[in-house]
N, C-alpha and C. Protein backbone atom coordinates (compact mmCIF):
# COMPACT_ATOMS: atom_id res chain seq x y z
N MET A 1 -84.67 39.09 273.48
CA MET A 1 -85.65 39.07 274.43
C MET A 1 -85.78 37.68 274.91
N LYS A 2 -85.84 37.70 276.08
CA LYS A 2 -86.06 36.42 276.84
C LYS A 2 -87.45 36.13 277.31
N LEU A 3 -88.10 34.98 277.14
CA LEU A 3 -89.53 34.57 277.30
C LEU A 3 -89.43 33.93 278.80
N ALA A 4 -90.28 34.36 279.63
CA ALA A 4 -90.37 33.81 280.91
C ALA A 4 -91.52 32.73 280.84
N LEU A 5 -91.11 31.63 281.22
CA LEU A 5 -92.04 30.39 281.17
C LEU A 5 -92.58 30.25 282.59
N PRO A 6 -93.81 29.74 282.78
CA PRO A 6 -94.45 29.43 283.95
C PRO A 6 -93.38 28.35 284.54
N PHE A 7 -93.35 28.59 285.99
CA PHE A 7 -92.54 27.62 286.86
C PHE A 7 -92.72 26.05 286.30
N ALA A 8 -94.04 25.69 286.46
CA ALA A 8 -94.32 24.33 286.32
C ALA A 8 -93.86 23.76 284.99
N LEU A 9 -94.04 24.57 284.00
CA LEU A 9 -93.78 24.29 282.64
C LEU A 9 -92.27 24.21 282.55
N SER A 10 -91.48 25.11 282.92
CA SER A 10 -90.06 25.06 282.89
C SER A 10 -89.46 23.84 283.58
N LEU A 11 -90.18 23.41 284.85
CA LEU A 11 -89.66 22.19 285.34
C LEU A 11 -89.82 20.85 284.70
N ALA A 12 -91.06 20.81 283.94
CA ALA A 12 -91.44 19.75 283.26
C ALA A 12 -90.54 19.74 282.07
N LEU A 13 -90.09 20.80 281.53
CA LEU A 13 -89.13 20.72 280.31
C LEU A 13 -87.73 20.35 280.74
N LEU A 14 -87.34 20.56 281.89
CA LEU A 14 -86.18 20.37 282.48
C LEU A 14 -86.06 19.05 283.14
N ALA A 15 -86.93 18.36 283.52
CA ALA A 15 -87.13 17.07 284.20
C ALA A 15 -86.63 15.99 283.08
N PRO A 16 -85.90 15.04 283.69
CA PRO A 16 -85.41 13.87 282.75
C PRO A 16 -86.47 13.03 282.19
N PHE A 17 -86.48 12.76 281.07
CA PHE A 17 -87.63 11.80 280.70
C PHE A 17 -87.24 10.38 280.64
N PRO A 18 -87.80 9.44 281.15
CA PRO A 18 -87.40 7.99 281.40
C PRO A 18 -86.99 7.47 280.04
N ALA A 19 -86.22 6.82 279.86
CA ALA A 19 -85.47 6.26 278.61
C ALA A 19 -86.63 5.36 278.02
N SER A 20 -87.15 4.45 278.82
CA SER A 20 -88.09 3.53 278.28
C SER A 20 -89.36 4.21 277.78
N ALA A 21 -89.74 5.32 278.42
CA ALA A 21 -91.02 5.99 277.87
C ALA A 21 -90.62 6.71 276.55
N ALA A 22 -89.31 7.22 276.40
CA ALA A 22 -89.06 7.86 275.38
C ALA A 22 -88.96 6.93 274.24
N ASN A 23 -88.45 5.78 274.37
CA ASN A 23 -88.39 4.88 273.26
C ASN A 23 -89.91 4.35 272.85
N GLU A 24 -90.68 4.23 273.92
CA GLU A 24 -92.04 3.86 273.57
C GLU A 24 -92.84 4.98 272.85
N THR A 25 -92.50 6.37 273.20
CA THR A 25 -93.18 7.33 272.53
C THR A 25 -92.54 7.45 271.23
N ASN A 26 -91.24 7.34 270.97
CA ASN A 26 -90.87 7.40 269.59
C ASN A 26 -91.14 6.40 268.70
N ALA A 27 -91.44 5.27 269.31
CA ALA A 27 -91.87 4.08 268.41
C ALA A 27 -93.27 4.30 268.05
N SER A 28 -94.18 4.53 268.97
CA SER A 28 -95.50 5.13 268.52
C SER A 28 -95.63 6.11 267.69
N SER A 29 -94.96 7.13 268.02
CA SER A 29 -95.09 8.43 266.85
C SER A 29 -94.53 8.03 265.61
N GLU A 30 -93.55 7.01 265.46
CA GLU A 30 -92.90 6.53 264.29
C GLU A 30 -94.14 5.75 263.48
N ALA A 31 -94.69 4.96 264.29
CA ALA A 31 -95.72 4.14 263.67
C ALA A 31 -96.98 4.96 263.17
N ARG A 32 -97.33 6.10 263.98
CA ARG A 32 -98.26 6.84 263.70
C ARG A 32 -98.05 7.78 262.39
N ILE A 33 -96.65 8.12 262.43
CA ILE A 33 -96.38 8.69 261.13
C ILE A 33 -96.46 7.80 259.77
N ARG A 34 -95.91 6.53 260.07
CA ARG A 34 -96.19 5.56 258.88
C ARG A 34 -97.52 5.46 258.72
N GLU A 35 -98.45 5.26 259.49
CA GLU A 35 -99.94 5.17 259.26
C GLU A 35 -100.49 6.37 258.48
N LEU A 36 -100.04 7.64 258.97
CA LEU A 36 -100.69 8.87 258.25
C LEU A 36 -99.97 8.82 256.93
N GLU A 37 -98.63 8.62 256.58
CA GLU A 37 -98.12 8.60 255.18
C GLU A 37 -98.92 7.60 254.44
N ALA A 38 -99.18 6.40 254.91
CA ALA A 38 -99.79 5.32 254.14
C ALA A 38 -101.20 5.77 253.71
N GLU A 39 -101.75 6.64 254.73
CA GLU A 39 -103.31 7.24 254.38
C GLU A 39 -103.32 8.25 253.50
N ILE A 40 -102.18 9.11 253.33
CA ILE A 40 -102.04 10.06 252.55
C ILE A 40 -101.72 9.55 251.18
N ALA A 41 -100.83 8.58 251.05
CA ALA A 41 -100.76 7.84 249.78
C ALA A 41 -101.81 7.24 249.12
N ARG A 42 -102.67 6.52 250.07
CA ARG A 42 -103.88 5.95 249.56
C ARG A 42 -104.89 7.04 248.89
N ARG A 43 -105.02 8.00 249.81
CA ARG A 43 -105.93 9.09 249.26
C ARG A 43 -105.54 9.73 247.90
N HIS A 44 -104.23 9.97 247.77
CA HIS A 44 -103.55 10.56 246.54
C HIS A 44 -103.86 9.43 245.43
N GLN A 45 -103.47 8.36 245.79
CA GLN A 45 -104.00 7.36 244.45
C GLN A 45 -105.37 7.33 244.20
N ASP A 46 -106.41 7.29 245.21
CA ASP A 46 -107.59 7.42 244.98
C ASP A 46 -108.08 8.73 244.16
N TYR A 47 -107.62 9.65 244.55
CA TYR A 47 -107.67 10.96 243.80
C TYR A 47 -107.33 11.05 242.39
N GLN A 48 -106.07 10.47 242.15
CA GLN A 48 -105.50 10.27 240.89
C GLN A 48 -106.35 9.49 239.96
N GLN A 49 -106.92 8.31 240.42
CA GLN A 49 -107.67 7.49 239.71
C GLN A 49 -109.07 7.91 239.47
N ARG A 50 -109.56 8.71 240.39
CA ARG A 50 -110.86 9.43 240.03
C ARG A 50 -110.57 10.52 238.94
N GLN A 51 -109.57 11.11 238.73
CA GLN A 51 -109.18 12.21 237.86
C GLN A 51 -108.81 11.38 236.47
N LEU A 52 -108.22 10.29 236.45
CA LEU A 52 -107.98 9.69 235.19
C LEU A 52 -108.90 8.87 234.64
N VAL A 53 -109.66 8.14 235.42
CA VAL A 53 -110.64 7.21 234.99
C VAL A 53 -111.90 7.77 234.35
N ARG A 54 -112.25 7.29 233.16
CA ARG A 54 -113.42 7.83 232.34
C ARG A 54 -114.43 6.64 232.78
N ARG A 55 -115.29 6.88 233.75
CA ARG A 55 -116.32 5.83 234.32
C ARG A 55 -117.51 5.90 233.89
N LYS A 56 -118.35 4.97 233.50
CA LYS A 56 -119.51 5.09 233.01
C LYS A 56 -120.46 3.98 233.96
N GLN A 57 -121.76 4.71 234.39
CA GLN A 57 -122.66 3.82 235.14
C GLN A 57 -123.71 3.26 234.35
N ILE A 58 -123.93 2.06 234.50
CA ILE A 58 -125.09 1.28 233.96
C ILE A 58 -125.97 0.72 234.92
N ALA A 59 -127.26 1.00 234.87
CA ALA A 59 -128.26 0.41 235.73
C ALA A 59 -129.47 0.25 235.02
N GLY A 60 -130.23 -0.72 235.25
CA GLY A 60 -131.65 -0.89 234.68
C GLY A 60 -131.48 -1.06 233.28
N THR A 61 -132.29 -0.53 232.44
CA THR A 61 -132.26 -0.79 230.91
C THR A 61 -131.11 0.09 230.39
N VAL A 62 -130.50 -0.49 229.39
CA VAL A 62 -129.29 0.23 228.66
C VAL A 62 -130.02 0.92 227.72
N LYS A 63 -129.44 2.22 227.57
CA LYS A 63 -130.00 3.06 226.51
C LYS A 63 -129.18 3.19 225.40
N GLU A 64 -127.81 2.61 225.64
CA GLU A 64 -126.92 2.88 224.47
C GLU A 64 -126.60 1.36 223.99
N PRO A 65 -126.93 1.16 222.74
CA PRO A 65 -126.65 -0.11 222.20
C PRO A 65 -125.50 -0.70 222.08
N ARG A 66 -124.45 0.18 222.25
CA ARG A 66 -123.06 -0.26 222.30
C ARG A 66 -122.49 -1.00 223.69
N PHE A 67 -123.49 -0.81 224.64
CA PHE A 67 -123.12 -1.55 225.85
C PHE A 67 -123.97 -2.96 225.87
N GLU A 68 -125.11 -3.08 225.10
CA GLU A 68 -126.01 -4.19 225.27
C GLU A 68 -125.26 -5.56 224.92
N LYS A 69 -124.37 -5.52 223.85
CA LYS A 69 -123.81 -6.74 223.62
C LYS A 69 -122.90 -7.13 224.70
N TYR A 70 -122.14 -6.03 225.16
CA TYR A 70 -121.23 -6.39 226.40
C TYR A 70 -121.73 -6.94 227.64
N LEU A 71 -123.11 -6.32 227.81
CA LEU A 71 -123.81 -6.68 229.01
C LEU A 71 -124.37 -8.19 229.00
N VAL A 72 -124.70 -8.68 227.86
CA VAL A 72 -124.94 -10.17 227.58
C VAL A 72 -123.72 -10.94 228.08
N GLY A 73 -122.73 -10.73 227.58
CA GLY A 73 -121.56 -11.59 227.94
C GLY A 73 -121.22 -11.53 229.52
N PHE A 74 -121.53 -10.23 230.01
CA PHE A 74 -121.29 -9.79 231.46
C PHE A 74 -122.08 -10.76 232.25
N ARG A 75 -123.64 -10.63 231.98
CA ARG A 75 -124.64 -11.38 232.66
C ARG A 75 -124.33 -12.84 232.76
N ARG A 76 -123.90 -13.39 231.44
CA ARG A 76 -123.72 -14.79 231.26
C ARG A 76 -122.65 -15.39 232.15
N LYS A 77 -121.51 -14.53 232.25
CA LYS A 77 -120.24 -14.85 233.00
C LYS A 77 -120.68 -14.59 234.68
N ILE A 78 -121.54 -13.78 235.17
CA ILE A 78 -121.99 -13.72 236.38
C ILE A 78 -122.95 -14.82 236.71
N ALA A 79 -124.02 -15.18 235.89
CA ALA A 79 -124.76 -16.33 236.18
C ALA A 79 -123.90 -17.76 236.26
N CYS A 80 -123.08 -17.91 235.34
CA CYS A 80 -122.26 -19.17 235.53
C CYS A 80 -121.43 -19.05 236.74
N SER A 81 -120.86 -18.04 237.21
CA SER A 81 -120.20 -17.94 238.60
C SER A 81 -120.97 -18.07 239.59
N SER A 82 -122.16 -17.72 239.51
CA SER A 82 -123.33 -17.77 240.63
C SER A 82 -123.52 -19.39 240.66
N VAL A 83 -123.63 -20.11 239.60
CA VAL A 83 -124.03 -21.28 239.95
C VAL A 83 -122.73 -22.14 240.34
N LEU A 84 -121.73 -21.84 240.11
CA LEU A 84 -120.48 -22.40 240.40
C LEU A 84 -120.05 -22.16 241.65
N HIS A 85 -120.32 -20.82 242.22
CA HIS A 85 -119.76 -20.46 243.49
C HIS A 85 -120.87 -20.14 244.49
N TYR A 86 -122.00 -20.48 244.37
CA TYR A 86 -122.95 -20.21 245.37
C TYR A 86 -122.52 -20.74 246.60
N PRO A 87 -122.68 -20.02 247.76
CA PRO A 87 -122.25 -20.70 249.04
C PRO A 87 -122.80 -21.86 249.53
N GLU A 88 -122.21 -23.01 249.84
CA GLU A 88 -122.41 -24.20 250.17
C GLU A 88 -123.38 -24.05 251.47
N ALA A 89 -123.16 -23.09 252.40
CA ALA A 89 -123.85 -23.01 253.72
C ALA A 89 -125.37 -22.58 253.20
N ALA A 90 -125.60 -21.80 252.01
CA ALA A 90 -126.84 -21.32 251.87
C ALA A 90 -127.65 -22.24 250.83
N ARG A 91 -126.89 -23.14 250.16
CA ARG A 91 -127.87 -23.97 249.26
C ARG A 91 -128.85 -24.71 249.74
N GLY A 92 -130.04 -24.62 249.20
CA GLY A 92 -131.13 -25.08 249.67
C GLY A 92 -131.78 -24.30 250.94
N LYS A 93 -131.23 -23.35 251.42
CA LYS A 93 -131.52 -22.79 252.81
C LYS A 93 -131.88 -21.41 252.76
N ILE A 94 -130.91 -20.70 251.89
CA ILE A 94 -131.08 -19.10 252.05
C ILE A 94 -131.23 -18.66 250.62
N TYR A 95 -132.31 -17.90 250.48
CA TYR A 95 -132.64 -17.19 249.10
C TYR A 95 -132.80 -15.75 249.30
N GLY A 96 -132.76 -14.86 248.48
CA GLY A 96 -133.00 -13.38 248.65
C GLY A 96 -132.61 -12.62 247.35
N GLU A 97 -132.88 -11.51 247.41
CA GLU A 97 -132.53 -10.45 246.50
C GLU A 97 -131.82 -9.37 246.82
N MET A 98 -130.62 -9.02 246.14
CA MET A 98 -130.06 -7.53 246.52
C MET A 98 -129.70 -6.80 245.32
N ILE A 99 -129.33 -5.71 245.41
CA ILE A 99 -128.70 -4.78 244.38
C ILE A 99 -127.25 -4.62 244.48
N VAL A 100 -126.32 -4.89 243.47
CA VAL A 100 -125.07 -4.95 243.63
C VAL A 100 -124.55 -4.19 242.51
N THR A 101 -123.37 -3.45 242.73
CA THR A 101 -122.66 -2.80 241.65
C THR A 101 -121.31 -3.50 241.51
N ILE A 102 -120.86 -3.76 240.30
CA ILE A 102 -119.58 -4.40 239.95
C ILE A 102 -118.85 -3.50 239.06
N SER A 103 -117.52 -3.19 239.39
CA SER A 103 -116.72 -2.32 238.48
C SER A 103 -115.72 -3.12 237.84
N ILE A 104 -115.75 -2.88 236.54
CA ILE A 104 -114.80 -3.66 235.72
C ILE A 104 -114.11 -2.51 234.90
N LEU A 105 -112.66 -2.97 234.72
CA LEU A 105 -111.74 -2.07 233.89
C LEU A 105 -111.85 -2.46 232.48
N ALA A 106 -111.28 -1.52 231.77
CA ALA A 106 -111.42 -1.71 230.28
C ALA A 106 -110.64 -3.12 229.77
N ASP A 107 -109.69 -3.41 230.58
CA ASP A 107 -109.19 -4.70 230.02
C ASP A 107 -109.91 -5.80 230.54
N GLY A 108 -111.08 -5.75 231.03
CA GLY A 108 -111.79 -6.89 231.68
C GLY A 108 -111.64 -7.35 233.00
N SER A 109 -110.45 -6.61 233.72
CA SER A 109 -110.36 -6.97 235.04
C SER A 109 -111.35 -6.49 236.04
N PHE A 110 -111.51 -7.31 237.01
CA PHE A 110 -112.43 -6.81 238.14
C PHE A 110 -111.82 -5.82 238.99
N GLU A 111 -112.38 -4.75 239.21
CA GLU A 111 -111.98 -3.65 240.08
C GLU A 111 -112.33 -3.74 241.47
N LYS A 112 -113.76 -3.77 241.58
CA LYS A 112 -114.32 -3.89 242.93
C LYS A 112 -115.94 -4.27 242.77
N ALA A 113 -116.39 -4.67 243.91
CA ALA A 113 -117.87 -4.98 243.98
C ALA A 113 -118.51 -4.45 245.25
N ARG A 114 -119.74 -4.02 245.17
CA ARG A 114 -120.38 -3.50 246.51
C ARG A 114 -121.85 -3.93 246.59
N VAL A 115 -122.35 -4.14 247.67
CA VAL A 115 -123.85 -4.55 247.81
C VAL A 115 -124.42 -3.19 248.17
N ASP A 116 -125.20 -2.73 247.21
CA ASP A 116 -126.05 -1.43 247.49
C ASP A 116 -127.25 -1.71 248.41
N ARG A 117 -127.92 -2.80 248.13
CA ARG A 117 -129.04 -3.18 248.97
C ARG A 117 -128.95 -4.67 249.34
N SER A 118 -128.96 -4.90 250.65
CA SER A 118 -128.54 -6.16 251.32
C SER A 118 -129.92 -7.20 251.02
N SER A 119 -129.65 -8.37 250.85
CA SER A 119 -130.73 -9.37 250.77
C SER A 119 -131.18 -9.74 252.18
N GLY A 120 -130.58 -9.29 253.12
CA GLY A 120 -130.69 -9.52 254.58
C GLY A 120 -130.20 -10.58 254.97
N HIS A 121 -129.32 -11.39 254.17
CA HIS A 121 -128.66 -12.54 254.62
C HIS A 121 -127.21 -12.27 254.57
N LYS A 122 -126.38 -12.32 255.50
CA LYS A 122 -125.02 -11.97 255.35
C LYS A 122 -124.24 -12.88 254.64
N ALA A 123 -124.63 -14.05 254.61
CA ALA A 123 -123.76 -15.11 253.79
C ALA A 123 -124.04 -14.79 252.30
N LEU A 124 -125.16 -14.48 251.78
CA LEU A 124 -125.31 -14.17 250.45
C LEU A 124 -124.68 -12.79 250.09
N ASP A 125 -124.89 -11.85 250.95
CA ASP A 125 -124.24 -10.56 250.60
C ASP A 125 -122.75 -10.56 250.65
N ASP A 126 -122.13 -11.54 251.44
CA ASP A 126 -120.58 -11.69 251.34
C ASP A 126 -120.31 -12.54 250.11
N SER A 127 -121.24 -13.39 249.84
CA SER A 127 -120.76 -14.35 248.69
C SER A 127 -120.77 -13.72 247.20
N VAL A 128 -121.57 -12.58 247.13
CA VAL A 128 -121.85 -11.85 245.93
C VAL A 128 -120.53 -11.45 245.37
N ILE A 129 -119.86 -10.77 246.44
CA ILE A 129 -118.49 -10.17 245.98
C ILE A 129 -117.49 -11.23 245.56
N ASP A 130 -117.34 -12.39 246.18
CA ASP A 130 -116.64 -13.49 245.75
C ASP A 130 -117.14 -13.99 244.45
N ILE A 131 -118.31 -13.86 244.15
CA ILE A 131 -118.82 -14.49 243.07
C ILE A 131 -118.38 -13.60 241.69
N ALA A 132 -118.46 -12.46 242.01
CA ALA A 132 -118.20 -11.40 240.98
C ALA A 132 -116.57 -11.42 240.61
N ARG A 133 -115.80 -11.61 241.81
CA ARG A 133 -114.39 -11.66 241.73
C ARG A 133 -113.99 -12.95 240.87
N GLN A 134 -114.76 -14.17 241.08
CA GLN A 134 -114.26 -15.30 240.56
C GLN A 134 -114.83 -15.30 239.07
N ALA A 135 -115.75 -14.59 238.70
CA ALA A 135 -116.27 -14.57 237.47
C ALA A 135 -115.30 -14.06 236.57
N ALA A 136 -114.52 -13.04 236.99
CA ALA A 136 -113.30 -12.35 236.24
C ALA A 136 -112.14 -13.34 235.76
N PRO A 137 -111.50 -12.83 234.54
CA PRO A 137 -111.70 -11.61 233.91
C PRO A 137 -113.06 -11.66 233.08
N PHE A 138 -113.60 -10.54 232.66
CA PHE A 138 -114.44 -10.52 231.82
C PHE A 138 -113.98 -10.01 230.30
N GLU A 139 -114.75 -9.99 229.33
CA GLU A 139 -114.24 -9.74 228.24
C GLU A 139 -113.73 -8.09 228.21
N PRO A 140 -112.57 -7.83 227.50
CA PRO A 140 -112.07 -6.72 227.42
C PRO A 140 -113.12 -5.77 226.61
N PHE A 141 -113.29 -4.38 227.10
CA PHE A 141 -114.19 -3.61 226.32
C PHE A 141 -113.88 -3.42 224.87
N PRO A 142 -115.02 -3.74 224.00
CA PRO A 142 -114.80 -3.59 222.57
C PRO A 142 -114.39 -1.93 222.24
N SER A 143 -113.87 -1.65 221.06
CA SER A 143 -113.39 -0.35 220.82
C SER A 143 -114.49 0.96 220.88
N GLU A 144 -115.53 0.42 220.55
CA GLU A 144 -116.55 1.46 220.67
C GLU A 144 -117.03 1.89 222.06
N ILE A 145 -116.80 1.07 223.03
CA ILE A 145 -116.82 1.46 224.63
C ILE A 145 -115.58 1.97 224.84
N ARG A 146 -114.32 1.22 224.54
CA ARG A 146 -113.14 1.76 225.03
C ARG A 146 -112.72 3.28 224.68
N ARG A 147 -113.41 3.69 223.70
CA ARG A 147 -112.94 5.15 222.97
C ARG A 147 -113.28 6.21 223.97
N ASP A 148 -114.22 5.98 225.04
CA ASP A 148 -114.72 6.97 225.99
C ASP A 148 -114.95 6.34 227.33
N THR A 149 -114.38 5.29 227.65
CA THR A 149 -114.63 4.49 228.91
C THR A 149 -113.57 3.73 229.18
N ASP A 150 -113.19 3.94 230.64
CA ASP A 150 -112.03 3.13 231.19
C ASP A 150 -112.60 2.07 232.26
N ALA A 151 -113.86 2.57 232.64
CA ALA A 151 -114.38 1.54 233.73
C ALA A 151 -115.92 1.75 233.60
N LEU A 152 -116.37 0.52 233.91
CA LEU A 152 -117.92 0.44 233.95
C LEU A 152 -118.48 -0.06 235.32
N ASP A 153 -119.34 0.83 235.90
CA ASP A 153 -119.99 0.37 237.13
C ASP A 153 -121.23 -0.02 236.66
N ILE A 154 -121.49 -1.39 236.83
CA ILE A 154 -122.85 -2.15 236.43
C ILE A 154 -123.65 -2.52 237.63
N THR A 155 -124.69 -1.93 237.79
CA THR A 155 -125.66 -2.23 238.93
C THR A 155 -126.69 -3.00 238.56
N ARG A 156 -127.03 -4.01 239.14
CA ARG A 156 -127.85 -5.09 238.73
C ARG A 156 -128.74 -5.60 239.97
N ALA A 157 -129.76 -6.06 239.88
CA ALA A 157 -130.52 -6.79 240.86
C ALA A 157 -130.21 -8.37 240.79
N TRP A 158 -129.73 -8.89 241.80
CA TRP A 158 -129.33 -10.20 241.97
C TRP A 158 -130.36 -11.14 242.83
N THR A 159 -130.97 -11.98 242.13
CA THR A 159 -131.90 -12.83 242.87
C THR A 159 -131.42 -14.22 243.13
N PHE A 160 -131.39 -14.71 244.29
CA PHE A 160 -130.91 -16.31 244.52
C PHE A 160 -132.19 -16.75 244.88
N THR A 161 -132.65 -17.72 244.03
CA THR A 161 -133.83 -18.38 244.23
C THR A 161 -133.70 -19.69 243.80
N THR A 162 -134.78 -20.72 244.04
CA THR A 162 -134.83 -21.94 243.40
C THR A 162 -136.09 -22.22 242.81
N THR A 163 -136.22 -22.72 241.76
CA THR A 163 -137.35 -23.13 240.87
C THR A 163 -137.38 -24.39 240.29
N GLU A 164 -138.26 -24.84 239.74
CA GLU A 164 -138.18 -26.34 239.22
C GLU A 164 -137.25 -26.21 238.02
N GLU A 165 -137.32 -24.92 237.32
CA GLU A 165 -136.36 -24.83 236.17
C GLU A 165 -134.90 -24.80 236.40
N THR A 166 -134.64 -24.17 237.58
CA THR A 166 -133.12 -24.22 237.86
C THR A 166 -132.77 -25.39 238.54
N ALA A 167 -133.48 -26.01 239.25
CA ALA A 167 -133.40 -27.53 239.84
C ALA A 167 -133.20 -28.40 238.70
N ALA A 168 -133.83 -28.38 237.55
CA ALA A 168 -133.67 -29.40 236.48
C ALA A 168 -132.50 -28.97 235.70
N GLY A 169 -131.81 -27.78 235.80
CA GLY A 169 -130.68 -27.46 235.12
C GLY A 169 -130.85 -26.82 233.70
N ALA A 170 -131.91 -26.39 233.42
CA ALA A 170 -132.46 -25.70 232.27
C ALA A 170 -131.62 -24.43 232.02
N ASP A 171 -131.30 -24.13 230.75
CA ASP A 171 -130.49 -23.10 230.40
C ASP A 171 -129.38 -22.83 231.39
N ASP A 172 -128.45 -23.66 231.36
CA ASP A 172 -127.23 -23.66 231.89
C ASP A 172 -126.28 -22.64 231.63
N PRO A 173 -126.11 -21.61 232.20
CA PRO A 173 -125.32 -20.34 231.92
C PRO A 173 -123.94 -20.84 231.57
N CYS A 174 -123.46 -21.92 232.04
CA CYS A 174 -122.01 -22.26 231.81
C CYS A 174 -121.70 -23.14 230.67
N ALA A 175 -122.98 -23.47 230.06
CA ALA A 175 -122.68 -24.41 228.80
C ALA A 175 -122.20 -23.53 227.60
């Protein structure tokens, strides 16, 4: 059985396609295919990680004592990194409070950080992720945490402020 095509369509199909346009179309098609393949691979990896990682969320007060000792060391490392890596452009000029979640893997490596509530100052918000990254590596999880946790998402309020106490260097978190 032979299909009858509309005249305009059949002419378009038979008309020669300029070589330069064909090359551009092929190149853009190939580039788009590579982009889509990369996106599929990224989504597949994200899905696999969500399925395999046993993740715990910690925010506010810690109800499980096994996490408290770990959080003391975590807070100390973050405080030290904050002192060492506070953005120069903000020193003495910009202060604020934000909510930040930092994700740590069982080996103590930094996974990611995100600002959940902004300080209202882009310089501070941007620097928080850098401060967390530079604080790593953190201590590996102790066995009582590692037995059921592959990653911790720690959500905390961060306050960048100046006081007489911090100006005098009291309680140096890096000491």
